[in-house]
N, C-alpha and C. Protein backbone atom coordinates (compact mmCIF):
# COMPACT_ATOMS: atom_id res chain seq x y z
N MET A 1 -13.58 -59.85 -10.65
CA MET A 1 -12.65 -59.02 -10.54
C MET A 1 -12.92 -57.59 -11.12
N ASP A 2 -14.07 -57.12 -11.49
CA ASP A 2 -15.11 -56.07 -12.22
C ASP A 2 -14.78 -55.79 -10.35
N ALA A 3 -15.35 -56.00 -9.57
CA ALA A 3 -15.55 -55.37 -8.34
C ALA A 3 -14.50 -54.82 -7.77
N TYR A 4 -13.39 -55.63 -7.81
CA TYR A 4 -12.02 -54.98 -7.40
C TYR A 4 -11.80 -53.65 -8.12
N ILE A 5 -11.87 -53.78 -9.45
CA ILE A 5 -11.99 -52.13 -10.30
C ILE A 5 -12.46 -51.48 -9.98
N SER A 6 -14.13 -51.81 -9.65
CA SER A 6 -14.53 -50.76 -9.20
C SER A 6 -14.44 -49.96 -7.63
N ALA A 7 -14.30 -50.82 -6.68
CA ALA A 7 -14.10 -50.37 -5.43
C ALA A 7 -12.48 -49.75 -5.68
N LEU A 8 -11.26 -50.01 -6.66
CA LEU A 8 -10.50 -49.06 -6.80
C LEU A 8 -10.67 -47.97 -7.13
N VAL A 9 -11.84 -48.10 -8.21
CA VAL A 9 -11.73 -46.59 -8.92
C VAL A 9 -12.74 -45.88 -7.83
N GLY A 10 -13.44 -46.33 -7.35
CA GLY A 10 -14.08 -45.96 -5.72
C GLY A 10 -13.46 -44.87 -5.12
N LEU A 11 -12.26 -45.65 -4.39
CA LEU A 11 -11.25 -45.58 -3.75
C LEU A 11 -10.30 -44.05 -4.15
N ALA A 12 -10.02 -44.03 -5.19
CA ALA A 12 -9.25 -43.12 -6.27
C ALA A 12 -9.58 -42.01 -6.04
N GLY A 13 -11.31 -42.16 -6.49
CA GLY A 13 -12.52 -41.28 -6.53
C GLY A 13 -12.55 -40.52 -4.84
N VAL A 14 -12.55 -40.82 -4.01
CA VAL A 14 -12.75 -40.71 -2.62
C VAL A 14 -11.32 -39.79 -2.31
N ALA A 15 -10.24 -40.37 -2.73
CA ALA A 15 -8.72 -39.90 -2.28
C ALA A 15 -8.33 -38.32 -3.05
N ILE A 16 -8.91 -38.61 -4.33
CA ILE A 16 -8.94 -37.31 -5.43
C ILE A 16 -10.01 -36.02 -4.71
N GLY A 17 -10.56 -36.55 -4.63
CA GLY A 17 -11.73 -35.72 -3.83
C GLY A 17 -11.49 -35.35 -2.35
N GLY A 18 -10.99 -35.76 -1.76
CA GLY A 18 -10.31 -35.39 -0.45
C GLY A 18 -9.01 -34.47 -0.81
N LEU A 19 -8.45 -34.89 -1.26
CA LEU A 19 -6.88 -33.84 -1.80
C LEU A 19 -7.68 -32.90 -2.14
N THR A 20 -8.46 -32.75 -3.35
CA THR A 20 -9.21 -31.77 -3.99
C THR A 20 -9.37 -30.35 -2.72
N SER A 21 -10.37 -31.31 -2.07
CA SER A 21 -11.25 -30.58 -1.11
C SER A 21 -9.84 -29.93 -0.15
N PHE A 22 -8.76 -30.33 0.60
CA PHE A 22 -7.62 -30.12 1.20
C PHE A 22 -7.17 -28.94 0.32
N ALA A 23 -6.79 -29.13 -0.86
CA ALA A 23 -6.06 -28.24 -1.64
C ALA A 23 -6.89 -26.53 -2.09
N THR A 24 -7.98 -26.88 -2.13
CA THR A 24 -8.93 -25.67 -2.26
C THR A 24 -9.07 -24.93 -1.01
N ALA A 25 -9.03 -25.87 0.17
CA ALA A 25 -9.19 -24.99 1.58
C ALA A 25 -7.57 -24.23 2.11
N TRP A 26 -6.52 -25.14 1.47
CA TRP A 26 -5.17 -24.89 1.74
C TRP A 26 -4.49 -23.34 0.80
N ILE A 27 -5.77 -23.38 -0.03
CA ILE A 27 -5.53 -22.05 -1.03
C ILE A 27 -5.90 -21.00 -0.71
N THR A 28 -7.30 -21.66 -0.51
CA THR A 28 -8.26 -20.36 0.32
C THR A 28 -7.40 -19.69 1.47
N HIS A 29 -7.32 -20.41 2.37
CA HIS A 29 -6.71 -19.84 3.40
C HIS A 29 -5.38 -19.19 3.01
N ARG A 30 -4.55 -19.59 2.04
CA ARG A 30 -3.24 -18.98 1.93
C ARG A 30 -3.52 -17.80 1.26
N SER A 31 -4.52 -17.73 0.40
CA SER A 31 -4.65 -16.36 0.10
C SER A 31 -5.71 -15.15 0.63
N GLN A 32 -6.10 -15.38 1.85
CA GLN A 32 -6.95 -14.71 3.00
C GLN A 32 -6.03 -14.34 3.42
N VAL A 33 -5.04 -14.98 3.67
CA VAL A 33 -3.37 -14.62 4.64
C VAL A 33 -2.73 -13.57 3.78
N ARG A 34 -2.32 -13.64 2.63
CA ARG A 34 -1.54 -12.72 2.04
C ARG A 34 -2.56 -11.39 1.71
N GLU A 35 -3.81 -11.59 1.34
CA GLU A 35 -4.79 -10.37 0.98
C GLU A 35 -5.01 -9.77 2.43
N LYS A 36 -4.94 -10.20 3.90
CA LYS A 36 -4.55 -9.27 4.97
C LYS A 36 -3.27 -8.94 5.26
N GLN A 37 -2.38 -9.34 4.88
CA GLN A 37 -0.91 -8.78 4.93
C GLN A 37 -1.31 -7.76 3.89
N ARG A 38 -1.39 -7.78 3.02
CA ARG A 38 -1.40 -6.43 1.88
C ARG A 38 -2.20 -5.38 1.87
N GLU A 39 -3.32 -5.49 2.73
CA GLU A 39 -4.24 -4.99 3.42
C GLU A 39 -3.63 -3.49 5.02
N ILE A 40 -2.57 -4.20 5.27
CA ILE A 40 -2.29 -3.83 6.58
C ILE A 40 -1.25 -3.35 6.09
N GLU A 41 -0.35 -3.55 4.91
CA GLU A 41 0.57 -2.74 4.34
C GLU A 41 0.32 -1.63 3.77
N VAL A 42 -0.81 -1.67 2.69
CA VAL A 42 -1.41 -0.47 2.73
C VAL A 42 -2.02 0.26 3.60
N ALA A 43 -2.39 0.27 4.92
CA ALA A 43 -2.88 1.12 5.69
C ALA A 43 -1.28 1.44 6.51
N LYS A 44 -0.44 0.63 6.64
CA LYS A 44 0.68 1.46 7.27
C LYS A 44 1.10 2.69 6.29
N ARG A 45 1.16 2.63 5.21
CA ARG A 45 1.74 3.40 4.39
C ARG A 45 0.57 4.62 4.55
N GLU A 46 -0.88 4.37 4.31
CA GLU A 46 -1.62 5.21 4.43
C GLU A 46 -1.22 6.30 5.56
N LYS A 47 -0.94 5.25 6.81
CA LYS A 47 -0.80 6.13 7.95
C LYS A 47 0.40 6.94 8.01
N LEU A 48 1.39 6.34 7.52
CA LEU A 48 2.57 7.06 7.55
C LEU A 48 2.67 8.17 6.54
N PHE A 49 2.40 8.30 5.12
CA PHE A 49 1.93 9.52 4.36
C PHE A 49 1.14 10.52 4.92
N SER A 50 -0.33 10.12 5.95
CA SER A 50 -1.12 11.12 6.40
C SER A 50 -0.22 11.89 7.61
N ASP A 51 0.87 11.22 8.47
CA ASP A 51 0.97 11.55 9.45
C ASP A 51 2.70 12.51 8.97
N PHE A 52 3.14 12.22 7.65
CA PHE A 52 3.94 13.29 7.10
C PHE A 52 3.19 14.88 6.53
N ILE A 53 1.99 14.14 6.11
CA ILE A 53 1.22 15.64 5.55
C ILE A 53 1.10 16.56 6.56
N ALA A 54 0.66 15.71 8.11
CA ALA A 54 -0.13 16.31 9.16
C ALA A 54 1.16 17.42 9.82
N GLU A 55 2.63 16.56 9.68
CA GLU A 55 3.58 17.23 10.28
C GLU A 55 4.69 18.18 9.26
N ALA A 56 4.28 18.30 8.71
CA ALA A 56 4.81 18.86 7.14
C ALA A 56 3.81 20.04 7.10
N THR A 57 2.63 20.11 7.45
CA THR A 57 1.65 21.03 7.10
C THR A 57 2.09 22.44 8.27
N ARG A 58 1.61 21.22 9.34
CA ARG A 58 2.22 22.17 10.82
C ARG A 58 3.56 22.44 10.75
N LEU A 59 4.83 22.48 10.22
CA LEU A 59 5.81 23.26 10.32
C LEU A 59 5.76 23.99 8.99
N TYR A 60 5.50 23.75 8.26
CA TYR A 60 5.14 24.77 6.90
C TYR A 60 4.22 26.19 7.31
N GLY A 61 3.13 25.71 8.21
CA GLY A 61 2.40 26.95 8.99
C GLY A 61 3.55 27.80 9.82
N ASP A 62 4.23 27.08 10.28
CA ASP A 62 5.00 27.49 11.54
C ASP A 62 6.48 28.61 10.82
N ALA A 63 6.78 27.76 9.95
CA ALA A 63 8.21 28.53 8.92
C ALA A 63 7.33 29.91 8.02
N VAL A 64 6.34 29.99 7.92
CA VAL A 64 5.73 31.17 7.13
C VAL A 64 6.09 32.37 8.31
N SER A 65 5.70 32.08 9.41
CA SER A 65 5.27 33.20 10.50
C SER A 65 6.31 33.19 11.23
N HIS A 66 7.65 32.06 11.12
CA HIS A 66 8.81 32.06 12.42
C HIS A 66 10.06 31.99 11.11
N GLN A 67 11.13 32.56 11.96
CA GLN A 67 12.26 32.43 11.25
C GLN A 67 13.04 31.81 12.17
N LYS A 68 13.46 30.30 11.71
CA LYS A 68 14.70 29.95 12.83
C LYS A 68 15.89 29.48 12.57
N ASP A 69 16.69 29.34 13.29
CA ASP A 69 18.27 28.60 13.07
C ASP A 69 17.79 27.09 13.83
N ASP A 70 16.92 26.70 14.56
CA ASP A 70 17.10 25.69 15.41
C ASP A 70 16.24 24.16 14.69
N VAL A 71 16.98 23.67 14.37
CA VAL A 71 16.33 22.14 13.24
C VAL A 71 15.82 21.04 14.39
N SER A 72 15.61 21.57 15.61
CA SER A 72 14.93 20.29 16.46
C SER A 72 13.32 19.85 16.10
N ASP A 73 12.57 21.62 15.96
CA ASP A 73 11.19 21.25 14.98
C ASP A 73 11.33 20.13 14.23
N LEU A 74 12.30 19.53 13.11
CA LEU A 74 12.24 18.97 11.76
C LEU A 74 12.90 17.56 12.21
N VAL A 75 12.75 17.14 13.49
CA VAL A 75 13.16 15.83 13.80
C VAL A 75 12.15 14.83 13.20
N LEU A 76 10.87 15.18 13.87
CA LEU A 76 10.19 14.14 13.56
C LEU A 76 9.87 14.36 11.80
N LEU A 77 9.82 15.10 11.30
CA LEU A 77 9.79 14.92 9.87
C LEU A 77 11.00 13.93 9.13
N TYR A 78 12.10 14.37 9.29
CA TYR A 78 13.04 13.51 9.04
C TYR A 78 12.95 12.14 9.51
N ALA A 79 12.38 12.39 10.62
CA ALA A 79 12.08 10.47 10.70
C ALA A 79 11.08 9.92 10.01
N LEU A 80 9.94 10.50 9.53
CA LEU A 80 8.98 9.93 9.00
C LEU A 80 9.32 9.80 7.36
N VAL A 81 10.17 10.73 7.18
CA VAL A 81 11.02 10.40 5.60
C VAL A 81 12.00 9.09 5.71
N ALA A 82 12.69 9.11 6.93
CA ALA A 82 13.03 7.76 6.74
C ALA A 82 12.69 6.50 6.78
N GLN A 83 11.46 6.49 7.63
CA GLN A 83 10.48 5.43 7.49
C GLN A 83 9.53 5.39 6.09
N MET A 84 9.86 6.22 5.39
CA MET A 84 9.56 6.27 3.73
C MET A 84 10.24 5.48 3.16
N ARG A 85 11.68 5.55 3.50
CA ARG A 85 12.39 5.08 2.42
C ARG A 85 12.40 3.81 2.87
N LEU A 86 12.11 3.10 3.74
CA LEU A 86 12.16 1.69 4.06
C LEU A 86 10.71 0.89 3.27
N ILE A 87 9.77 1.89 2.75
CA ILE A 87 8.62 1.05 2.77
C ILE A 87 7.70 1.69 1.49
N ALA A 88 8.54 2.72 0.84
CA ALA A 88 7.78 3.43 -0.51
C ALA A 88 8.52 3.66 -1.28
N SER A 89 8.42 4.20 -2.58
CA SER A 89 8.96 3.94 -4.27
C SER A 89 9.79 5.16 -3.73
N ARG A 90 10.84 5.29 -4.31
CA ARG A 90 11.28 6.04 -4.64
C ARG A 90 10.98 7.31 -4.99
N SER A 91 9.58 7.68 -6.05
CA SER A 91 8.73 8.60 -6.29
C SER A 91 8.29 9.40 -4.75
N VAL A 92 7.87 8.85 -4.10
CA VAL A 92 7.08 9.12 -2.94
C VAL A 92 8.52 9.90 -2.06
N VAL A 93 9.74 9.24 -1.85
CA VAL A 93 10.44 9.94 -0.74
C VAL A 93 10.94 10.96 -1.77
N ASP A 94 11.45 10.79 -2.88
CA ASP A 94 11.88 12.72 -3.31
C ASP A 94 10.98 13.32 -3.42
N ALA A 95 9.44 13.39 -3.40
CA ALA A 95 8.63 14.32 -3.29
C ALA A 95 8.71 14.46 -1.75
N ALA A 96 8.86 13.62 -0.85
CA ALA A 96 8.73 14.00 0.67
C ALA A 96 9.82 14.92 0.88
N GLU A 97 11.13 14.20 0.02
CA GLU A 97 12.53 15.38 0.60
C GLU A 97 12.25 16.55 -0.09
N SER A 98 11.44 16.76 -1.11
CA SER A 98 11.53 18.05 -1.90
C SER A 98 10.53 19.05 -0.64
N ALA A 99 9.68 18.51 -0.12
CA ALA A 99 8.77 18.92 0.66
C ALA A 99 9.35 19.40 1.81
N MET A 100 10.31 18.63 2.50
CA MET A 100 11.05 18.56 3.43
C MET A 100 12.08 20.17 3.13
N ALA A 101 12.86 20.29 2.44
CA ALA A 101 13.58 21.15 1.84
C ALA A 101 12.99 22.39 1.58
N ARG A 102 12.04 22.27 0.87
CA ARG A 102 10.83 23.92 0.70
C ARG A 102 10.36 24.10 2.36
N ILE A 103 10.50 23.42 3.19
CA ILE A 103 10.18 23.89 4.71
C ILE A 103 11.37 24.86 5.45
N VAL A 104 12.47 23.52 4.98
CA VAL A 104 13.55 24.27 5.15
C VAL A 104 13.92 25.50 5.09
N ASP A 105 13.60 25.63 3.88
CA ASP A 105 14.27 26.91 2.80
C ASP A 105 13.21 28.59 3.30
N THR A 106 11.59 27.67 3.79
CA THR A 106 11.05 28.75 4.26
C THR A 106 10.85 29.59 5.55
N TYR A 107 11.55 28.68 6.37
CA TYR A 107 12.22 28.69 7.60
C TYR A 107 13.33 29.68 7.64
N LEU A 108 14.09 29.56 6.86
CA LEU A 108 15.26 30.60 6.23
C LEU A 108 14.60 31.88 5.85
N THR A 109 13.60 32.30 5.25
CA THR A 109 13.28 33.65 4.52
C THR A 109 12.83 34.40 6.06
N PRO A 110 12.63 35.43 5.60
CA PRO A 110 11.90 36.60 6.38
C PRO A 110 10.49 36.28 6.83
N ASN A 111 10.04 36.27 7.75
CA ASN A 111 8.29 36.15 8.20
C ASN A 111 7.43 37.21 6.76
N ARG A 112 6.20 36.02 6.93
CA ARG A 112 5.70 36.66 5.97
C ARG A 112 4.54 37.51 6.88
N SER A 113 3.97 38.34 6.38
CA SER A 113 2.85 39.30 6.62
C SER A 113 1.53 38.26 6.30
N LEU A 114 0.37 38.74 6.80
CA LEU A 114 -1.10 37.70 6.54
C LEU A 114 -1.29 38.25 4.75
N SER A 115 -0.95 39.73 4.50
CA SER A 115 -1.61 39.36 2.96
C SER A 115 -0.59 38.94 2.29
N GLU A 116 0.83 38.83 2.57
CA GLU A 116 1.61 37.88 1.71
C GLU A 116 1.24 36.61 1.64
N MET A 117 0.98 36.12 2.99
CA MET A 117 0.37 34.51 2.74
C MET A 117 -0.64 34.45 1.68
N ARG A 118 -1.88 35.42 2.22
CA ARG A 118 -2.86 35.42 1.32
C ARG A 118 -2.53 35.40 -0.80
N ASN A 119 -1.45 36.00 -0.72
CA ASN A 119 -0.97 35.95 -2.20
C ASN A 119 -0.20 34.89 -2.41
N LEU A 120 0.64 34.58 -1.57
CA LEU A 120 1.05 33.13 -1.75
C LEU A 120 -0.02 32.36 -1.90
N ALA A 121 -0.86 32.19 -0.95
CA ALA A 121 -1.70 31.06 -1.53
C ALA A 121 -2.66 31.20 -2.82
N HIS A 122 -2.83 32.35 -3.06
CA HIS A 122 -3.49 32.66 -4.30
C HIS A 122 -2.97 32.17 -5.49
N SER A 123 -1.87 32.02 -5.25
CA SER A 123 -0.45 31.95 -6.47
C SER A 123 -0.48 30.64 -6.81
N GLY A 124 -0.57 30.02 -5.17
CA GLY A 124 -0.62 28.12 -5.73
C GLY A 124 0.86 27.97 -4.98
N ALA A 125 1.81 29.51 -4.85
CA ALA A 125 2.94 28.65 -3.66
C ALA A 125 2.77 27.87 -2.65
N MET A 126 1.96 28.01 -2.11
CA MET A 126 1.77 27.33 -0.82
C MET A 126 1.36 25.92 -0.55
N ASN A 127 1.33 24.71 -1.71
CA ASN A 127 0.67 23.95 -2.29
C ASN A 127 1.93 23.27 -2.39
N PHE A 128 2.54 23.20 -1.51
CA PHE A 128 4.66 22.71 -1.79
C PHE A 128 4.16 20.83 -1.10
N LEU A 129 3.06 20.40 -0.99
CA LEU A 129 2.81 18.74 -0.72
C LEU A 129 1.82 18.27 -2.01
N LEU A 130 1.76 19.29 -3.12
CA LEU A 130 1.35 18.51 -4.37
C LEU A 130 1.76 17.39 -4.84
N ASP A 131 3.14 17.45 -5.04
CA ASP A 131 3.62 16.43 -6.00
C ASP A 131 4.05 15.03 -4.44
N PHE A 132 3.62 15.59 -3.48
CA PHE A 132 3.80 14.24 -2.66
C PHE A 132 2.92 13.45 -2.65
N GLY A 133 1.46 14.33 -2.21
CA GLY A 133 0.37 13.86 -2.81
C GLY A 133 -0.12 12.91 -3.77
N GLU A 134 0.38 13.54 -4.83
CA GLU A 134 0.24 12.57 -6.42
C GLU A 134 0.91 11.34 -6.19
N ALA A 135 2.45 11.47 -5.84
CA ALA A 135 3.26 10.34 -6.07
C ALA A 135 2.37 8.94 -4.61
N CYS A 136 1.98 9.70 -3.37
CA CYS A 136 1.25 8.80 -2.77
C CYS A 136 -0.06 8.24 -3.57
N ARG A 137 -0.67 8.99 -4.04
CA ARG A 137 -1.91 8.22 -4.89
C ARG A 137 -1.85 7.34 -5.55
N ALA A 138 -0.56 7.59 -6.19
CA ALA A 138 -0.26 6.63 -7.88
C ALA A 138 0.40 5.27 -7.11
N GLU A 139 1.21 5.48 -5.80
CA GLU A 139 1.89 4.59 -5.14
C GLU A 139 0.20 3.61 -4.70
N LEU A 140 -0.32 3.98 -3.74
CA LEU A 140 -1.40 3.32 -2.96
C LEU A 140 -2.61 2.86 -4.60
N GLY A 141 -2.66 3.74 -5.08
CA GLY A 141 -3.33 2.71 -6.14
C GLY A 141 -2.88 1.83 -7.16
N ALA A 142 -1.41 1.60 -7.32
CA ALA A 142 -1.07 0.74 -7.80
C ALA A 142 -0.96 -0.24 -6.48
N ALA A 143 -0.87 -0.62 -5.54
CA ALA A 143 -0.90 -1.31 -4.44
C ALA A 143 -2.29 -2.11 -4.30
N ARG A 144 -2.80 -1.15 -4.56
CA ARG A 144 -4.29 -1.77 -4.50
C ARG A 144 -4.75 -2.34 -6.04
N ALA A 145 -4.21 -1.86 -6.94
CA ALA A 145 -4.47 -2.60 -7.88
C ALA A 145 -4.19 -4.09 -8.14
N ASP A 146 -2.31 -4.36 -7.41
CA ASP A 146 -1.80 -5.09 -7.73
C ASP A 146 -2.59 -6.23 -6.28
N ALA A 147 -3.23 -5.94 -5.40
CA ALA A 147 -3.76 -6.94 -4.37
C ALA A 147 -4.93 -6.94 -5.21
N PHE A 148 -5.74 -6.10 -5.80
CA PHE A 148 -6.78 -6.95 -6.70
C PHE A 148 -6.73 -8.03 -7.86
N ALA A 149 -5.57 -7.53 -8.69
CA ALA A 149 -5.10 -8.54 -9.46
C ALA A 149 -4.58 -9.65 -8.81
N MET A 150 -3.91 -9.85 -7.90
CA MET A 150 -3.52 -10.68 -7.04
C MET A 150 -4.83 -11.68 -6.51
N GLY A 151 -5.71 -10.91 -5.61
CA GLY A 151 -7.09 -11.23 -5.29
C GLY A 151 -7.97 -12.45 -6.41
N LEU A 152 -7.71 -11.53 -8.07
CA LEU A 152 -8.41 -12.25 -9.04
C LEU A 152 -7.72 -13.75 -9.66
N ARG A 153 -6.55 -13.49 -9.03
CA ARG A 153 -5.47 -14.87 -9.54
C ARG A 153 -5.82 -15.94 -9.06
N GLN A 154 -5.80 -15.60 -7.62
CA GLN A 154 -6.29 -16.67 -6.52
C GLN A 154 -7.69 -17.12 -6.54
N ALA A 155 -8.70 -16.44 -6.86
CA ALA A 155 -10.29 -17.00 -6.82
C ALA A 155 -9.79 -18.00 -8.15
N GLN A 156 -9.23 -17.31 -9.50
CA GLN A 156 -9.26 -18.11 -10.54
C GLN A 156 -8.34 -19.87 -10.46
N GLN A 157 -7.26 -19.49 -9.28
CA GLN A 157 -6.89 -20.88 -8.99
C GLN A 157 -7.44 -21.62 -8.41
N ARG A 158 -8.14 -21.16 -7.20
CA ARG A 158 -9.60 -21.49 -6.26
C ARG A 158 -10.67 -22.33 -7.25
N GLU A 159 -11.03 -21.94 -8.34
CA GLU A 159 -11.51 -21.98 -9.41
C GLU A 159 -11.61 -23.75 -9.93
N ARG A 160 -9.80 -23.51 -10.52
CA ARG A 160 -9.39 -24.56 -11.31
C ARG A 160 -9.20 -26.26 -10.45
N VAL A 161 -8.79 -25.64 -9.22
CA VAL A 161 -8.87 -26.63 -8.23
C VAL A 161 -10.00 -27.59 -8.01
N LYS A 162 -11.21 -26.50 -7.57
CA LYS A 162 -12.72 -26.78 -7.16
C LYS A 162 -12.93 -27.89 -8.20
N HIS A 163 -13.00 -27.32 -9.80
CA HIS A 163 -13.14 -28.25 -10.69
C HIS A 163 -12.75 -29.54 -10.98
N ASN A 164 -11.36 -29.60 -11.03
CA ASN A 164 -10.82 -30.54 -10.83
C ASN A 164 -11.33 -31.71 -10.05
N THR A 165 -12.50 -32.40 -10.13
CA THR A 165 -12.81 -33.35 -9.49
C THR A 165 -12.92 -34.44 -9.85
N PRO A 166 -13.00 -35.78 -8.73
CA PRO A 166 -13.06 -37.08 -9.34
C PRO A 166 -13.34 -37.85 -11.32
N ALA A 167 -14.86 -36.93 -11.24
CA ALA A 167 -15.31 -37.28 -12.59
C ALA A 167 -14.75 -36.88 -13.84
N GLY A 168 -14.17 -35.91 -13.25
CA GLY A 168 -13.28 -34.54 -14.66
C GLY A 168 -12.25 -35.55 -14.80
N VAL A 169 -11.14 -36.07 -13.61
CA VAL A 169 -9.92 -36.57 -14.03
C VAL A 169 -10.19 -38.00 -14.69
N LEU A 170 -11.22 -38.64 -14.26
CA LEU A 170 -11.87 -39.94 -14.79
C LEU A 170 -12.38 -40.14 -15.97
N GLY A 171 -12.44 -39.01 -16.45
CA GLY A 171 -13.36 -38.79 -17.70
C GLY A 171 -14.69 -39.00 -17.86
N HIS A 172 -15.60 -39.17 -16.69
CA HIS A 172 -16.61 -39.37 -16.23
C HIS A 172 -17.56 -38.58 -16.65
């Protein structure tokens, strides 16, 4: 009878060990997939923010030296803001809309001379993307911190599963 009990305990240990190994592999794979998705999402946001900065800077430079009534140059900037509405926080979208409004207002003002532009630059008035940059930095920092915290939780979960060995379950 003791032989049967020993055999059953051995089989139970093998089964629990196999399940533990499977669970660890599954959790590890799942966490790697989630981490990769988060990295892709952060990279997508960084690219979108960078594209907006490049286009807004180009348009602002044009607006300072040209007076226009044509809005066709602003279409790409509007499209970038629309994309931000899908994936970015409200503070980033608000800052982007504010920068866009500043560009439109600048197009409506008379052309500036080179000395006027120098005075604007020294006064900080040309730094129209400051709020946008700060909002983007905060959002990207929060996304990276969330990804780090999630990775830490998943590593702790893997360790708990790994240490749930048959000997630990059976009290040996």
